[in-house]
Amino acid sequence: MKLTTILIAIACIGAHAAGFGQKVTLDADYIRIEDVFKQIKKQTGIHFFYEKDVLDGLPKVSVHAVNSSVTDVLKHLFKGLPISFYYTE
């Protein structure tokens, strides 16, 4: 079985966006990755662009982070999954 890597492009909008250095607090079990993105967007304003049907095939995840950088949260979230990401400002 061939693992496919999807790219998740994250665009930070706003003139003064601190990007992935922004801190988030998340505490959730067994949720969709898409819902994690929504929570991060709500706290930071970071927008995620991805193909929904690719994420639909991935397992639900647990995430527990207190005042953690977005980069650290995503690295932990995607560990062991065939996903990579990048961001632009």
Protein backbone atom coordinates (compact mmCIF):
# COMPACT_ATOMS: atom_id res chain seq x y z
CA MET A 1 0.00 0.00 0.00
CA LYS A 2 1.42 3.31 -1.02
CA LEU A 3 1.22 6.11 1.54
CA THR A 4 0.22 9.40 0.08
CA THR A 5 1.44 12.59 1.61
CA ILE A 6 -0.96 15.47 1.48
CA LEU A 7 0.15 19.01 1.75
CA ILE A 8 -1.76 21.28 3.99
CA ALA A 9 -1.16 24.85 3.05
CA ILE A 10 -1.70 27.25 5.85
CA ALA A 11 -2.00 30.90 5.09
CA CYS A 12 -1.60 33.33 7.92
CA ILE A 13 -3.55 36.43 7.13
CA GLY A 14 -3.37 39.77 8.82
CA ALA A 15 -0.60 42.32 8.78
CA HIS A 16 0.60 41.47 12.25
CA ALA A 17 0.14 37.71 12.29
CA ALA A 18 2.80 35.93 14.32
CA GLY A 19 2.28 32.77 12.29
CA PHE A 20 2.96 29.41 13.78
CA GLY A 21 4.66 30.91 16.81
CA GLN A 22 1.23 31.78 18.18
CA LYS A 23 0.15 29.80 21.23
CA VAL A 24 -2.96 27.63 21.47
CA THR A 25 -4.65 25.58 24.15
CA LEU A 26 -6.56 22.50 23.02
CA ASP A 27 -8.05 19.62 24.99
CA ALA A 28 -10.02 17.12 22.95
CA ASP A 29 -10.29 13.37 22.47
CA TYR A 30 -11.33 11.47 19.39
CA ILE A 31 -12.07 14.41 17.08
CA ARG A 32 -11.60 14.98 13.38
CA ILE A 33 -8.45 16.77 12.24
CA GLU A 34 -10.73 19.27 10.51
CA ASP A 35 -12.20 20.16 13.93
CA VAL A 36 -8.70 20.73 15.33
CA PHE A 37 -8.07 23.15 12.46
CA LYS A 38 -11.29 25.00 13.31
CA GLN A 39 -10.26 25.35 16.96
CA ILE A 40 -6.81 26.63 15.99
CA LYS A 41 -8.37 29.13 13.57
CA LYS A 42 -10.73 30.35 16.29
CA GLN A 43 -7.82 31.01 18.65
CA THR A 44 -5.27 32.38 16.16
CA GLY A 45 -6.93 33.45 12.93
CA ILE A 46 -4.75 31.00 10.96
CA HIS A 47 -6.57 29.62 7.93
CA PHE A 48 -6.07 26.03 6.77
CA PHE A 49 -6.43 24.95 3.15
CA TYR A 50 -6.74 21.23 2.41
CA GLU A 51 -8.71 18.68 0.44
CA LYS A 52 -11.57 17.58 2.67
CA ASP A 53 -11.94 14.14 1.11
CA VAL A 54 -8.30 13.31 1.94
CA LEU A 55 -8.79 14.19 5.61
CA ASP A 56 -12.04 12.20 5.74
CA GLY A 57 -10.03 8.99 5.38
CA LEU A 58 -7.84 9.68 8.41
CA PRO A 59 -8.54 8.45 11.93
CA LYS A 60 -9.87 10.73 14.63
CA VAL A 61 -7.23 12.14 16.95
CA SER A 62 -6.71 13.32 20.50
CA VAL A 63 -4.95 16.57 21.22
CA HIS A 64 -3.94 18.00 24.58
CA ALA A 65 -1.89 21.19 24.47
CA VAL A 66 -1.58 24.09 26.89
CA ASN A 67 -0.07 27.32 25.61
CA SER A 68 1.77 25.41 22.85
CA SER A 69 2.92 26.77 19.50
CA VAL A 70 0.80 25.87 16.48
CA THR A 71 3.85 24.20 14.92
CA ASP A 72 4.34 21.94 17.92
CA VAL A 73 0.66 21.03 18.03
CA LEU A 74 0.58 20.11 14.33
CA LYS A 75 3.82 18.11 14.51
CA HIS A 76 2.40 16.10 17.41
CA LEU A 77 -0.99 15.76 15.73
CA PHE A 78 0.44 14.44 12.45
CA LYS A 79 3.04 12.12 13.99
CA GLY A 80 2.59 8.71 12.40
CA LEU A 81 0.16 10.00 9.77
CA PRO A 82 0.95 10.43 6.06
CA ILE A 83 0.63 14.22 6.29
CA SER A 84 3.02 17.08 5.90
CA PHE A 85 2.33 20.79 6.12
CA TYR A 86 3.76 24.19 5.33
CA TYR A 87 2.69 27.72 5.97
CA THR A 88 2.93 31.07 4.27
CA GLU A 89 2.45 34.55 5.59
